[in-house]
Amino acid sequence: MIVGGESLTTTAERLAINVKTVSACRRRILEKMGLASNAPRVQYAIHHRLVD
């Protein structure tokens, strides 16, 4: 959802959770993966065929 370009608000609405929860989860995922910004995250997703 996030890598596909969906906004945090849209993701939160789809999952019926708070936007702050989505933001915190996104931040923790980036930290665990060692990714500092969106560009490496998108490259990772494309490389591992997580997006079309």
PDB file of N, CA and C in Angstrom:
ATOM      1  N   MET A   1       0.820  -1.191   0.000  1.00  0.00           N
ATOM      2  CA  MET A   1       0.000   0.000   0.000  1.00  0.00           C
ATOM      3  C   MET A   1       0.865   1.256   0.000  1.00  0.00           C
ATOM      4  N   ILE A   2       1.794   1.301   0.918  1.00  0.00           N
ATOM      5  CA  ILE A   2       2.609   2.508   1.020  1.00  0.00           C
ATOM      6  C   ILE A   2       3.572   2.602  -0.153  1.00  0.00           C
ATOM      7  N   VAL A   3       4.205   1.507  -0.504  1.00  0.00           N
ATOM      8  CA  VAL A   3       5.142   1.528  -1.628  1.00  0.00           C
ATOM      9  C   VAL A   3       4.409   1.806  -2.929  1.00  0.00           C
ATOM     10  N   GLY A   4       3.184   1.380  -3.022  1.00  0.00           N
ATOM     11  CA  GLY A   4       2.400   1.594  -4.231  1.00  0.00           C
ATOM     12  C   GLY A   4       1.951   3.027  -4.422  1.00  0.00           C
ATOM     13  N   GLY A   5       2.316   3.916  -3.514  1.00  0.00           N
ATOM     14  CA  GLY A   5       1.996   5.322  -3.658  1.00  0.00           C
ATOM     15  C   GLY A   5       0.759   5.765  -2.906  1.00  0.00           C
ATOM     16  N   GLU A   6       0.157   4.872  -2.166  1.00  0.00           N
ATOM     17  CA  GLU A   6      -1.032   5.221  -1.399  1.00  0.00           C
ATOM     18  C   GLU A   6      -0.641   6.121  -0.225  1.00  0.00           C
ATOM     19  N   SER A   7      -1.447   7.114   0.055  1.00  0.00           N
ATOM     20  CA  SER A   7      -1.148   8.025   1.158  1.00  0.00           C
ATOM     21  C   SER A   7      -1.357   7.340   2.503  1.00  0.00           C
ATOM     22  N   LEU A   8      -0.743   7.907   3.528  1.00  0.00           N
ATOM     23  CA  LEU A   8      -0.901   7.362   4.875  1.00  0.00           C
ATOM     24  C   LEU A   8      -2.369   7.408   5.304  1.00  0.00           C
ATOM     25  N   THR A   9      -3.051   8.483   4.937  1.00  0.00           N
ATOM     26  CA  THR A   9      -4.467   8.626   5.297  1.00  0.00           C
ATOM     27  C   THR A   9      -5.314   7.546   4.636  1.00  0.00           C
ATOM     28  N   THR A  10      -5.082   7.306   3.358  1.00  0.00           N
ATOM     29  CA  THR A  10      -5.834   6.284   2.636  1.00  0.00           C
ATOM     30  C   THR A  10      -5.566   4.907   3.218  1.00  0.00           C
ATOM     31  N   THR A  11      -4.296   4.622   3.516  1.00  0.00           N
ATOM     32  CA  THR A  11      -3.933   3.339   4.121  1.00  0.00           C
ATOM     33  C   THR A  11      -4.626   3.166   5.460  1.00  0.00           C
ATOM     34  N   ALA A  12      -4.616   4.211   6.264  1.00  0.00           N
ATOM     35  CA  ALA A  12      -5.260   4.155   7.578  1.00  0.00           C
ATOM     36  C   ALA A  12      -6.759   3.900   7.445  1.00  0.00           C
ATOM     37  N   GLU A  13      -7.387   4.557   6.498  1.00  0.00           N
ATOM     38  CA  GLU A  13      -8.819   4.360   6.279  1.00  0.00           C
ATOM     39  C   GLU A  13      -9.116   2.928   5.836  1.00  0.00           C
ATOM     40  N   ARG A  14      -8.292   2.399   4.919  1.00  0.00           N
ATOM     41  CA  ARG A  14      -8.501   1.028   4.425  1.00  0.00           C
ATOM     42  C   ARG A  14      -8.355   0.001   5.539  1.00  0.00           C
ATOM     43  N   LEU A  15      -7.420   0.259   6.465  1.00  0.00           N
ATOM     44  CA  LEU A  15      -7.160  -0.688   7.549  1.00  0.00           C
ATOM     45  C   LEU A  15      -7.951  -0.372   8.822  1.00  0.00           C
ATOM     46  N   ALA A  16      -8.692   0.723   8.790  1.00  0.00           N
ATOM     47  CA  ALA A  16      -9.496   1.171   9.929  1.00  0.00           C
ATOM     48  C   ALA A  16      -8.633   1.370  11.174  1.00  0.00           C
ATOM     49  N   ILE A  17      -7.487   2.058  10.962  1.00  0.00           N
ATOM     50  CA  ILE A  17      -6.602   2.396  12.076  1.00  0.00           C
ATOM     51  C   ILE A  17      -6.221   3.866  11.963  1.00  0.00           C
ATOM     52  N   ASN A  18      -5.575   4.380  12.989  1.00  0.00           N
ATOM     53  CA  ASN A  18      -5.186   5.775  13.040  1.00  0.00           C
ATOM     54  C   ASN A  18      -4.010   6.048  12.104  1.00  0.00           C
ATOM     55  N   VAL A  19      -3.976   7.248  11.533  1.00  0.00           N
ATOM     56  CA  VAL A  19      -2.886   7.651  10.641  1.00  0.00           C
ATOM     57  C   VAL A  19      -1.549   7.604  11.379  1.00  0.00           C
ATOM     58  N   LYS A  20      -1.546   7.966  12.652  1.00  0.00           N
ATOM     59  CA  LYS A  20      -0.306   7.930  13.432  1.00  0.00           C
ATOM     60  C   LYS A  20       0.227   6.507  13.569  1.00  0.00           C
ATOM     61  N   THR A  21      -0.660   5.540  13.627  1.00  0.00           N
ATOM     62  CA  THR A  21      -0.252   4.132  13.702  1.00  0.00           C
ATOM     63  C   THR A  21       0.427   3.724  12.396  1.00  0.00           C
ATOM     64  N   VAL A  22      -0.148   4.117  11.273  1.00  0.00           N
ATOM     65  CA  VAL A  22       0.435   3.804   9.964  1.00  0.00           C
ATOM     66  C   VAL A  22       1.807   4.457   9.849  1.00  0.00           C
ATOM     67  N   SER A  23       1.908   5.700  10.267  1.00  0.00           N
ATOM     68  CA  SER A  23       3.168   6.426  10.197  1.00  0.00           C
ATOM     69  C   SER A  23       4.245   5.768  11.060  1.00  0.00           C
ATOM     70  N   ALA A  24       3.875   5.379  12.272  1.00  0.00           N
ATOM     71  CA  ALA A  24       4.828   4.733  13.180  1.00  0.00           C
ATOM     72  C   ALA A  24       5.282   3.386  12.627  1.00  0.00           C
ATOM     73  N   CYS A  25       4.366   2.615  12.081  1.00  0.00           N
ATOM     74  CA  CYS A  25       4.719   1.313  11.497  1.00  0.00           C
ATOM     75  C   CYS A  25       5.634   1.497  10.300  1.00  0.00           C
ATOM     76  N   ARG A  26       5.343   2.466   9.459  1.00  0.00           N
ATOM     77  CA  ARG A  26       6.171   2.758   8.297  1.00  0.00           C
ATOM     78  C   ARG A  26       7.586   3.119   8.744  1.00  0.00           C
ATOM     79  N   ARG A  27       7.689   3.981   9.743  1.00  0.00           N
ATOM     80  CA  ARG A  27       8.988   4.404  10.254  1.00  0.00           C
ATOM     81  C   ARG A  27       9.780   3.215  10.804  1.00  0.00           C
ATOM     82  N   ARG A  28       9.116   2.334  11.569  1.00  0.00           N
ATOM     83  CA  ARG A  28       9.797   1.161  12.140  1.00  0.00           C
ATOM     84  C   ARG A  28      10.253   0.195  11.047  1.00  0.00           C
ATOM     85  N   ILE A  29       9.429   0.018  10.023  1.00  0.00           N
ATOM     86  CA  ILE A  29       9.804  -0.859   8.912  1.00  0.00           C
ATOM     87  C   ILE A  29      11.044  -0.312   8.214  1.00  0.00           C
ATOM     88  N   LEU A  30      11.047   0.996   7.947  1.00  0.00           N
ATOM     89  CA  LEU A  30      12.202   1.609   7.300  1.00  0.00           C
ATOM     90  C   LEU A  30      13.460   1.438   8.140  1.00  0.00           C
ATOM     91  N   GLU A  31      13.342   1.631   9.456  1.00  0.00           N
ATOM     92  CA  GLU A  31      14.490   1.471  10.349  1.00  0.00           C
ATOM     93  C   GLU A  31      15.014   0.042  10.317  1.00  0.00           C
ATOM     94  N   LYS A  32      14.125  -0.923  10.404  1.00  0.00           N
ATOM     95  CA  LYS A  32      14.535  -2.330  10.410  1.00  0.00           C
ATOM     96  C   LYS A  32      15.176  -2.742   9.091  1.00  0.00           C
ATOM     97  N   MET A  33      14.730  -2.143   8.000  1.00  0.00           N
ATOM     98  CA  MET A  33      15.277  -2.479   6.692  1.00  0.00           C
ATOM     99  C   MET A  33      16.518  -1.655   6.369  1.00  0.00           C
ATOM    100  N   GLY A  34      16.827  -0.679   7.208  1.00  0.00           N
ATOM    101  CA  GLY A  34      17.989   0.167   6.971  1.00  0.00           C
ATOM    102  C   GLY A  34      17.813   1.130   5.817  1.00  0.00           C
ATOM    103  N   LEU A  35      16.575   1.536   5.562  1.00  0.00           N
ATOM    104  CA  LEU A  35      16.264   2.447   4.458  1.00  0.00           C
ATOM    105  C   LEU A  35      15.933   3.820   5.025  1.00  0.00           C
ATOM    106  N   ALA A  36      16.574   4.849   4.479  1.00  0.00           N
ATOM    107  CA  ALA A  36      16.419   6.191   5.032  1.00  0.00           C
ATOM    108  C   ALA A  36      15.326   7.021   4.356  1.00  0.00           C
ATOM    109  N   SER A  37      14.931   6.635   3.143  1.00  0.00           N
ATOM    110  CA  SER A  37      13.949   7.450   2.427  1.00  0.00           C
ATOM    111  C   SER A  37      13.096   6.588   1.512  1.00  0.00           C
ATOM    112  N   ASN A  38      12.227   7.241   0.773  1.00  0.00           N
ATOM    113  CA  ASN A  38      11.314   6.523  -0.116  1.00  0.00           C
ATOM    114  C   ASN A  38      12.013   5.875  -1.306  1.00  0.00           C
ATOM    115  N   ALA A  39      13.021   6.533  -1.866  1.00  0.00           N
ATOM    116  CA  ALA A  39      13.663   6.016  -3.080  1.00  0.00           C
ATOM    117  C   ALA A  39      14.231   4.610  -2.884  1.00  0.00           C
ATOM    118  N   PRO A  40      15.046   4.355  -1.845  1.00  0.00           N
ATOM    119  CA  PRO A  40      15.553   2.986  -1.664  1.00  0.00           C
ATOM    120  C   PRO A  40      14.436   1.982  -1.366  1.00  0.00           C
ATOM    121  N   ARG A  41      13.402   2.451  -0.720  1.00  0.00           N
ATOM    122  CA  ARG A  41      12.274   1.568  -0.410  1.00  0.00           C
ATOM    123  C   ARG A  41      11.579   1.119  -1.690  1.00  0.00           C
ATOM    124  N   VAL A  42      11.378   2.035  -2.616  1.00  0.00           N
ATOM    125  CA  VAL A  42      10.749   1.705  -3.895  1.00  0.00           C
ATOM    126  C   VAL A  42      11.657   0.778  -4.699  1.00  0.00           C
ATOM    127  N   GLN A  43      12.956   1.078  -4.715  1.00  0.00           N
ATOM    128  CA  GLN A  43      13.911   0.214  -5.422  1.00  0.00           C
ATOM    129  C   GLN A  43      13.873  -1.197  -4.854  1.00  0.00           C
ATOM    130  N   TYR A  44      13.811  -1.322  -3.533  1.00  0.00           N
ATOM    131  CA  TYR A  44      13.742  -2.628  -2.876  1.00  0.00           C
ATOM    132  C   TYR A  44      12.481  -3.374  -3.317  1.00  0.00           C
ATOM    133  N   ALA A  45      11.357  -2.663  -3.304  1.00  0.00           N
ATOM    134  CA  ALA A  45      10.078  -3.279  -3.676  1.00  0.00           C
ATOM    135  C   ALA A  45      10.091  -3.756  -5.123  1.00  0.00           C
ATOM    136  N   ILE A  46      10.664  -2.968  -6.008  1.00  0.00           N
ATOM    137  CA  ILE A  46      10.738  -3.359  -7.416  1.00  0.00           C
ATOM    138  C   ILE A  46      11.667  -4.548  -7.586  1.00  0.00           C
ATOM    139  N   HIS A  47      12.826  -4.491  -6.948  1.00  0.00           N
ATOM    140  CA  HIS A  47      13.815  -5.570  -7.052  1.00  0.00           C
ATOM    141  C   HIS A  47      13.251  -6.909  -6.570  1.00  0.00           C
ATOM    142  N   HIS A  48      12.452  -6.861  -5.509  1.00  0.00           N
ATOM    143  CA  HIS A  48      11.894  -8.076  -4.935  1.00  0.00           C
ATOM    144  C   HIS A  48      10.476  -8.384  -5.447  1.00  0.00           C
ATOM    145  N   ARG A  49      10.099  -7.663  -6.514  1.00  0.00           N
ATOM    146  CA  ARG A  49       8.812  -7.860  -7.180  1.00  0.00           C
ATOM    147  C   ARG A  49       7.606  -7.775  -6.223  1.00  0.00           C
ATOM    148  N   LEU A  50       7.655  -6.756  -5.355  1.00  0.00           N
ATOM    149  CA  LEU A  50       6.562  -6.537  -4.409  1.00  0.00           C
ATOM    150  C   LEU A  50       5.503  -5.610  -4.986  1.00  0.00           C
ATOM    151  N   VAL A  51       5.826  -4.962  -6.102  1.00  0.00           N
ATOM    152  CA  VAL A  51       4.882  -4.078  -6.801  1.00  0.00           C
ATOM    153  C   VAL A  51       4.916  -4.396  -8.280  1.00  0.00           C
ATOM    154  N   ASP A  52       3.866  -4.002  -8.976  1.00  0.00           N
ATOM    155  CA  ASP A  52       3.798  -4.231 -10.434  1.00  0.00           C
ATOM    156  C   ASP A  52       4.479  -3.092 -11.167  1.00  0.00           C
TER     157      ASP A  52
END
